[in-house]
Amino acid sequence: MFSLETGSMIVIPVLLISLWVVTKIFQSNEKSAVKVLWTITIFILPAIGCALWYFIGPRRENSAKNKLHFH
């Protein structure tokens, strides 16, 4: 089976990625309810939640669209 070292080699990166994702969630412009739902998903299912957030989570608009253009 798994030894303690193998488990920690899996858990620590997942924990760090989860913390990064939660930080990105709260930095987004989404509604509070969306942020809370994503955060709960990440805490309940860390690896799957992070993957789901990456593929179907809120997307940032193209930064070129957000910049002011002066002519």
PDB file of N, CA and C in Angstrom:
ATOM      1  N   MET A   1       0.839  -1.187   0.000  1.00  0.00           N
ATOM      2  CA  MET A   1       0.000   0.000   0.000  1.00  0.00           C
ATOM      3  C   MET A   1       0.877   1.242   0.000  1.00  0.00           C
ATOM      4  N   PHE A   2       0.287   2.334   0.468  1.00  0.00           N
ATOM      5  CA  PHE A   2       1.003   3.602   0.505  1.00  0.00           C
ATOM      6  C   PHE A   2       1.748   3.754   1.821  1.00  0.00           C
ATOM      7  N   SER A   3       2.930   4.300   1.744  1.00  0.00           N
ATOM      8  CA  SER A   3       3.652   4.637   2.966  1.00  0.00           C
ATOM      9  C   SER A   3       3.340   6.095   3.323  1.00  0.00           C
ATOM     10  N   LEU A   4       3.766   6.512   4.466  1.00  0.00           N
ATOM     11  CA  LEU A   4       3.536   7.886   4.898  1.00  0.00           C
ATOM     12  C   LEU A   4       4.176   8.883   3.938  1.00  0.00           C
ATOM     13  N   GLU A   5       5.363   8.556   3.454  1.00  0.00           N
ATOM     14  CA  GLU A   5       6.052   9.452   2.532  1.00  0.00           C
ATOM     15  C   GLU A   5       5.294   9.590   1.223  1.00  0.00           C
ATOM     16  N   THR A   6       4.753   8.493   0.719  1.00  0.00           N
ATOM     17  CA  THR A   6       4.004   8.540  -0.532  1.00  0.00           C
ATOM     18  C   THR A   6       2.744   9.370  -0.363  1.00  0.00           C
ATOM     19  N   GLY A   7       2.064   9.197   0.746  1.00  0.00           N
ATOM     20  CA  GLY A   7       0.852   9.968   1.006  1.00  0.00           C
ATOM     21  C   GLY A   7       1.124  11.451   1.101  1.00  0.00           C
ATOM     22  N   SER A   8       2.204  11.818   1.776  1.00  0.00           N
ATOM     23  CA  SER A   8       2.518  13.235   1.913  1.00  0.00           C
ATOM     24  C   SER A   8       2.987  13.827   0.587  1.00  0.00           C
ATOM     25  N   MET A   9       3.583  13.007  -0.279  1.00  0.00           N
ATOM     26  CA  MET A   9       3.983  13.488  -1.596  1.00  0.00           C
ATOM     27  C   MET A   9       2.761  13.817  -2.447  1.00  0.00           C
ATOM     28  N   ILE A  10       1.632  13.218  -2.143  1.00  0.00           N
ATOM     29  CA  ILE A  10       0.399  13.486  -2.873  1.00  0.00           C
ATOM     30  C   ILE A  10      -0.387  14.608  -2.198  1.00  0.00           C
ATOM     31  N   VAL A  11      -0.496  14.553  -0.889  1.00  0.00           N
ATOM     32  CA  VAL A  11      -1.345  15.486  -0.146  1.00  0.00           C
ATOM     33  C   VAL A  11      -0.801  16.910  -0.164  1.00  0.00           C
ATOM     34  N   ILE A  12       0.481  17.084   0.028  1.00  0.00           N
ATOM     35  CA  ILE A  12       1.055  18.429   0.123  1.00  0.00           C
ATOM     36  C   ILE A  12       0.864  19.227  -1.172  1.00  0.00           C
ATOM     37  N   PRO A  13       1.174  18.678  -2.351  1.00  0.00           N
ATOM     38  CA  PRO A  13       0.914  19.451  -3.578  1.00  0.00           C
ATOM     39  C   PRO A  13      -0.573  19.759  -3.788  1.00  0.00           C
ATOM     40  N   VAL A  14      -1.446  18.810  -3.477  1.00  0.00           N
ATOM     41  CA  VAL A  14      -2.882  19.047  -3.624  1.00  0.00           C
ATOM     42  C   VAL A  14      -3.330  20.157  -2.678  1.00  0.00           C
ATOM     43  N   LEU A  15      -2.809  20.159  -1.460  1.00  0.00           N
ATOM     44  CA  LEU A  15      -3.144  21.205  -0.496  1.00  0.00           C
ATOM     45  C   LEU A  15      -2.665  22.572  -0.984  1.00  0.00           C
ATOM     46  N   LEU A  16      -1.442  22.640  -1.482  1.00  0.00           N
ATOM     47  CA  LEU A  16      -0.911  23.913  -1.972  1.00  0.00           C
ATOM     48  C   LEU A  16      -1.696  24.417  -3.176  1.00  0.00           C
ATOM     49  N   ILE A  17      -2.032  23.531  -4.093  1.00  0.00           N
ATOM     50  CA  ILE A  17      -2.821  23.919  -5.261  1.00  0.00           C
ATOM     51  C   ILE A  17      -4.207  24.375  -4.828  1.00  0.00           C
ATOM     52  N   SER A  18      -4.799  23.677  -3.863  1.00  0.00           N
ATOM     53  CA  SER A  18      -6.123  24.056  -3.362  1.00  0.00           C
ATOM     54  C   SER A  18      -6.103  25.452  -2.748  1.00  0.00           C
ATOM     55  N   LEU A  19      -5.085  25.751  -1.969  1.00  0.00           N
ATOM     56  CA  LEU A  19      -4.970  27.080  -1.374  1.00  0.00           C
ATOM     57  C   LEU A  19      -4.810  28.160  -2.446  1.00  0.00           C
ATOM     58  N   TRP A  20      -4.035  27.863  -3.472  1.00  0.00           N
ATOM     59  CA  TRP A  20      -3.853  28.806  -4.580  1.00  0.00           C
ATOM     60  C   TRP A  20      -5.176  29.039  -5.301  1.00  0.00           C
ATOM     61  N   VAL A  21      -5.928  27.950  -5.558  1.00  0.00           N
ATOM     62  CA  VAL A  21      -7.209  28.068  -6.249  1.00  0.00           C
ATOM     63  C   VAL A  21      -8.195  28.886  -5.422  1.00  0.00           C
ATOM     64  N   VAL A  22      -8.272  28.630  -4.119  1.00  0.00           N
ATOM     65  CA  VAL A  22      -9.184  29.385  -3.259  1.00  0.00           C
ATOM     66  C   VAL A  22      -8.805  30.868  -3.275  1.00  0.00           C
ATOM     67  N   THR A  23      -7.521  31.171  -3.272  1.00  0.00           N
ATOM     68  CA  THR A  23      -7.074  32.558  -3.366  1.00  0.00           C
ATOM     69  C   THR A  23      -7.546  33.190  -4.669  1.00  0.00           C
ATOM     70  N   LYS A  24      -7.389  32.471  -5.776  1.00  0.00           N
ATOM     71  CA  LYS A  24      -7.835  32.971  -7.080  1.00  0.00           C
ATOM     72  C   LYS A  24      -9.345  33.150  -7.120  1.00  0.00           C
ATOM     73  N   ILE A  25     -10.069  32.249  -6.470  1.00  0.00           N
ATOM     74  CA  ILE A  25     -11.534  32.352  -6.430  1.00  0.00           C
ATOM     75  C   ILE A  25     -11.932  33.660  -5.756  1.00  0.00           C
ATOM     76  N   PHE A  26     -11.333  33.964  -4.611  1.00  0.00           N
ATOM     77  CA  PHE A  26     -11.713  35.167  -3.880  1.00  0.00           C
ATOM     78  C   PHE A  26     -11.183  36.444  -4.525  1.00  0.00           C
ATOM     79  N   GLN A  27     -10.222  36.342  -5.422  1.00  0.00           N
ATOM     80  CA  GLN A  27      -9.741  37.510  -6.157  1.00  0.00           C
ATOM     81  C   GLN A  27     -10.582  37.777  -7.406  1.00  0.00           C
ATOM     82  N   SER A  28     -11.436  36.836  -7.776  1.00  0.00           N
ATOM     83  CA  SER A  28     -12.241  36.987  -8.983  1.00  0.00           C
ATOM     84  C   SER A  28     -13.370  37.987  -8.766  1.00  0.00           C
ATOM     85  N   ASN A  29     -14.014  38.354  -9.846  1.00  0.00           N
ATOM     86  CA  ASN A  29     -15.124  39.299  -9.799  1.00  0.00           C
ATOM     87  C   ASN A  29     -16.476  38.607  -9.707  1.00  0.00           C
ATOM     88  N   GLU A  30     -16.485  37.336  -9.409  1.00  0.00           N
ATOM     89  CA  GLU A  30     -17.734  36.589  -9.317  1.00  0.00           C
ATOM     90  C   GLU A  30     -18.539  37.011  -8.099  1.00  0.00           C
ATOM     91  N   LYS A  31     -19.814  36.635  -8.096  1.00  0.00           N
ATOM     92  CA  LYS A  31     -20.684  36.918  -6.958  1.00  0.00           C
ATOM     93  C   LYS A  31     -20.232  36.099  -5.757  1.00  0.00           C
ATOM     94  N   SER A  32     -20.570  36.590  -4.575  1.00  0.00           N
ATOM     95  CA  SER A  32     -20.161  35.916  -3.337  1.00  0.00           C
ATOM     96  C   SER A  32     -20.665  34.481  -3.266  1.00  0.00           C
ATOM     97  N   ALA A  33     -21.885  34.245  -3.724  1.00  0.00           N
ATOM     98  CA  ALA A  33     -22.453  32.896  -3.678  1.00  0.00           C
ATOM     99  C   ALA A  33     -21.633  31.933  -4.527  1.00  0.00           C
ATOM    100  N   VAL A  34     -21.181  32.384  -5.673  1.00  0.00           N
ATOM    101  CA  VAL A  34     -20.360  31.544  -6.557  1.00  0.00           C
ATOM    102  C   VAL A  34     -19.028  31.238  -5.887  1.00  0.00           C
ATOM    103  N   LYS A  35     -18.440  32.252  -5.260  1.00  0.00           N
ATOM    104  CA  LYS A  35     -17.165  32.060  -4.576  1.00  0.00           C
ATOM    105  C   LYS A  35     -17.299  31.039  -3.446  1.00  0.00           C
ATOM    106  N   VAL A  36     -18.376  31.138  -2.685  1.00  0.00           N
ATOM    107  CA  VAL A  36     -18.593  30.211  -1.575  1.00  0.00           C
ATOM    108  C   VAL A  36     -18.803  28.790  -2.093  1.00  0.00           C
ATOM    109  N   LEU A  37     -19.587  28.634  -3.152  1.00  0.00           N
ATOM    110  CA  LEU A  37     -19.828  27.293  -3.697  1.00  0.00           C
ATOM    111  C   LEU A  37     -18.537  26.662  -4.214  1.00  0.00           C
ATOM    112  N   TRP A  38     -17.715  27.438  -4.914  1.00  0.00           N
ATOM    113  CA  TRP A  38     -16.445  26.906  -5.392  1.00  0.00           C
ATOM    114  C   TRP A  38     -15.526  26.539  -4.233  1.00  0.00           C
ATOM    115  N   THR A  39     -15.497  27.383  -3.203  1.00  0.00           N
ATOM    116  CA  THR A  39     -14.642  27.117  -2.052  1.00  0.00           C
ATOM    117  C   THR A  39     -15.080  25.848  -1.327  1.00  0.00           C
ATOM    118  N   ILE A  40     -16.378  25.663  -1.147  1.00  0.00           N
ATOM    119  CA  ILE A  40     -16.884  24.442  -0.519  1.00  0.00           C
ATOM    120  C   ILE A  40     -16.505  23.226  -1.354  1.00  0.00           C
ATOM    121  N   THR A  41     -16.637  23.342  -2.660  1.00  0.00           N
ATOM    122  CA  THR A  41     -16.262  22.232  -3.552  1.00  0.00           C
ATOM    123  C   THR A  41     -14.788  21.880  -3.403  1.00  0.00           C
ATOM    124  N   ILE A  42     -13.933  22.899  -3.329  1.00  0.00           N
ATOM    125  CA  ILE A  42     -12.493  22.668  -3.190  1.00  0.00           C
ATOM    126  C   ILE A  42     -12.179  21.987  -1.860  1.00  0.00           C
ATOM    127  N   PHE A  43     -12.852  22.391  -0.777  1.00  0.00           N
ATOM    128  CA  PHE A  43     -12.569  21.794   0.529  1.00  0.00           C
ATOM    129  C   PHE A  43     -13.105  20.372   0.650  1.00  0.00           C
ATOM    130  N   ILE A  44     -14.230  20.081  -0.001  1.00  0.00           N
ATOM    131  CA  ILE A  44     -14.803  18.737   0.082  1.00  0.00           C
ATOM    132  C   ILE A  44     -14.048  17.766  -0.825  1.00  0.00           C
ATOM    133  N   LEU A  45     -13.763  18.192  -2.042  1.00  0.00           N
ATOM    134  CA  LEU A  45     -13.073  17.344  -3.026  1.00  0.00           C
ATOM    135  C   LEU A  45     -11.882  18.116  -3.600  1.00  0.00           C
ATOM    136  N   PRO A  46     -10.780  18.187  -2.875  1.00  0.00           N
ATOM    137  CA  PRO A  46      -9.684  19.069  -3.293  1.00  0.00           C
ATOM    138  C   PRO A  46      -9.162  18.821  -4.710  1.00  0.00           C
ATOM    139  N   ALA A  47      -8.767  17.623  -5.029  1.00  0.00           N
ATOM    140  CA  ALA A  47      -8.167  17.372  -6.351  1.00  0.00           C
ATOM    141  C   ALA A  47      -9.207  17.520  -7.454  1.00  0.00           C
ATOM    142  N   ILE A  48     -10.362  16.934  -7.266  1.00  0.00           N
ATOM    143  CA  ILE A  48     -11.420  17.013  -8.280  1.00  0.00           C
ATOM    144  C   ILE A  48     -11.949  18.441  -8.375  1.00  0.00           C
ATOM    145  N   GLY A  49     -12.112  19.104  -7.236  1.00  0.00           N
ATOM    146  CA  GLY A  49     -12.600  20.477  -7.228  1.00  0.00           C
ATOM    147  C   GLY A  49     -11.668  21.422  -7.964  1.00  0.00           C
ATOM    148  N   CYS A  50     -10.368  21.256  -7.770  1.00  0.00           N
ATOM    149  CA  CYS A  50      -9.392  22.095  -8.478  1.00  0.00           C
ATOM    150  C   CYS A  50      -9.454  21.855  -9.984  1.00  0.00           C
ATOM    151  N   ALA A  51      -9.572  20.604 -10.369  1.00  0.00           N
ATOM    152  CA  ALA A  51      -9.668  20.278 -11.794  1.00  0.00           C
ATOM    153  C   ALA A  51     -10.949  20.864 -12.387  1.00  0.00           C
ATOM    154  N   LEU A  52     -12.060  20.731 -11.676  1.00  0.00           N
ATOM    155  CA  LEU A  52     -13.321  21.301 -12.155  1.00  0.00           C
ATOM    156  C   LEU A  52     -13.218  22.815 -12.294  1.00  0.00           C
ATOM    157  N   TRP A  53     -12.635  23.466 -11.281  1.00  0.00           N
ATOM    158  CA  TRP A  53     -12.491  24.918 -11.341  1.00  0.00           C
ATOM    159  C   TRP A  53     -11.632  25.320 -12.536  1.00  0.00           C
ATOM    160  N   TYR A  54     -10.577  24.574 -12.789  1.00  0.00           N
ATOM    161  CA  TYR A  54      -9.685  24.902 -13.906  1.00  0.00           C
ATOM    162  C   TYR A  54     -10.413  24.814 -15.244  1.00  0.00           C
ATOM    163  N   PHE A  55     -11.236  23.765 -15.422  1.00  0.00           N
ATOM    164  CA  PHE A  55     -11.876  23.551 -16.709  1.00  0.00           C
ATOM    165  C   PHE A  55     -13.208  24.283 -16.881  1.00  0.00           C
ATOM    166  N   ILE A  56     -13.998  24.417 -15.813  1.00  0.00           N
ATOM    167  CA  ILE A  56     -15.323  25.024 -15.986  1.00  0.00           C
ATOM    168  C   ILE A  56     -15.555  26.232 -15.097  1.00  0.00           C
ATOM    169  N   GLY A  57     -14.549  26.639 -14.344  1.00  0.00           N
ATOM    170  CA  GLY A  57     -14.700  27.775 -13.442  1.00  0.00           C
ATOM    171  C   GLY A  57     -14.770  29.092 -14.186  1.00  0.00           C
ATOM    172  N   PRO A  58     -14.903  30.172 -13.441  1.00  0.00           N
ATOM    173  CA  PRO A  58     -15.012  31.501 -14.052  1.00  0.00           C
ATOM    174  C   PRO A  58     -13.794  31.811 -14.912  1.00  0.00           C
ATOM    175  N   ARG A  59     -14.044  32.394 -16.030  1.00  0.00           N
ATOM    176  CA  ARG A  59     -12.962  32.761 -16.945  1.00  0.00           C
ATOM    177  C   ARG A  59     -12.756  34.260 -16.909  1.00  0.00           C
ATOM    178  N   ARG A  60     -11.505  34.642 -16.986  1.00  0.00           N
ATOM    179  CA  ARG A  60     -11.201  36.069 -17.104  1.00  0.00           C
ATOM    180  C   ARG A  60     -11.407  36.465 -18.551  1.00  0.00           C
ATOM    181  N   GLU A  61     -11.948  37.653 -18.721  1.00  0.00           N
ATOM    182  CA  GLU A  61     -12.093  38.155 -20.077  1.00  0.00           C
ATOM    183  C   GLU A  61     -10.722  38.505 -20.626  1.00  0.00           C
ATOM    184  N   ASN A  62     -10.646  38.560 -21.905  1.00  0.00           N
ATOM    185  CA  ASN A  62      -9.395  38.913 -22.561  1.00  0.00           C
ATOM    186  C   ASN A  62      -8.921  40.261 -22.033  1.00  0.00           C
ATOM    187  N   SER A  63      -7.691  40.330 -21.583  1.00  0.00           N
ATOM    188  CA  SER A  63      -7.177  41.559 -20.973  1.00  0.00           C
ATOM    189  C   SER A  63      -7.174  42.719 -21.962  1.00  0.00           C
ATOM    190  N   ALA A  64      -7.095  42.441 -23.257  1.00  0.00           N
ATOM    191  CA  ALA A  64      -7.121  43.510 -24.254  1.00  0.00           C
ATOM    192  C   ALA A  64      -8.490  44.186 -24.268  1.00  0.00           C
ATOM    193  N   LYS A  65      -9.541  43.451 -23.975  1.00  0.00           N
ATOM    194  CA  LYS A  65     -10.878  44.034 -23.940  1.00  0.00           C
ATOM    195  C   LYS A  65     -11.042  44.954 -22.743  1.00  0.00           C
ATOM    196  N   ASN A  66     -10.350  44.677 -21.670  1.00  0.00           N
ATOM    197  CA  ASN A  66     -10.491  45.448 -20.443  1.00  0.00           C
ATOM    198  C   ASN A  66      -9.667  46.728 -20.444  1.00  0.00           C
ATOM    199  N   LYS A  67      -8.712  46.838 -21.331  1.00  0.00           N
ATOM    200  CA  LYS A  67      -7.852  48.021 -21.364  1.00  0.00           C
ATOM    201  C   LYS A  67      -8.566  49.161 -22.091  1.00  0.00           C
ATOM    202  N   LEU A  68      -8.316  50.361 -21.642  1.00  0.00           N
ATOM    203  CA  LEU A  68      -8.878  51.527 -22.302  1.00  0.00           C
ATOM    204  C   LEU A  68      -8.035  51.830 -23.543  1.00  0.00           C
ATOM    205  N   HIS A  69      -8.732  52.098 -24.615  1.00  0.00           N
ATOM    206  CA  HIS A  69      -8.023  52.439 -25.855  1.00  0.00           C
ATOM    207  C   HIS A  69      -8.251  53.907 -26.135  1.00  0.00           C
ATOM    208  N   PHE A  70      -7.181  54.650 -26.227  1.00  0.00           N
ATOM    209  CA  PHE A  70      -7.266  56.063 -26.560  1.00  0.00           C
ATOM    210  C   PHE A  70      -6.792  56.230 -27.988  1.00  0.00           C
ATOM    211  N   HIS A  71      -7.597  56.923 -28.762  1.00  0.00           N
ATOM    212  CA  HIS A  71      -7.235  57.148 -30.168  1.00  0.00           C
ATOM    213  C   HIS A  71      -6.949  58.590 -30.405  1.00  0.00           C
TER     214      HIS A  71
END
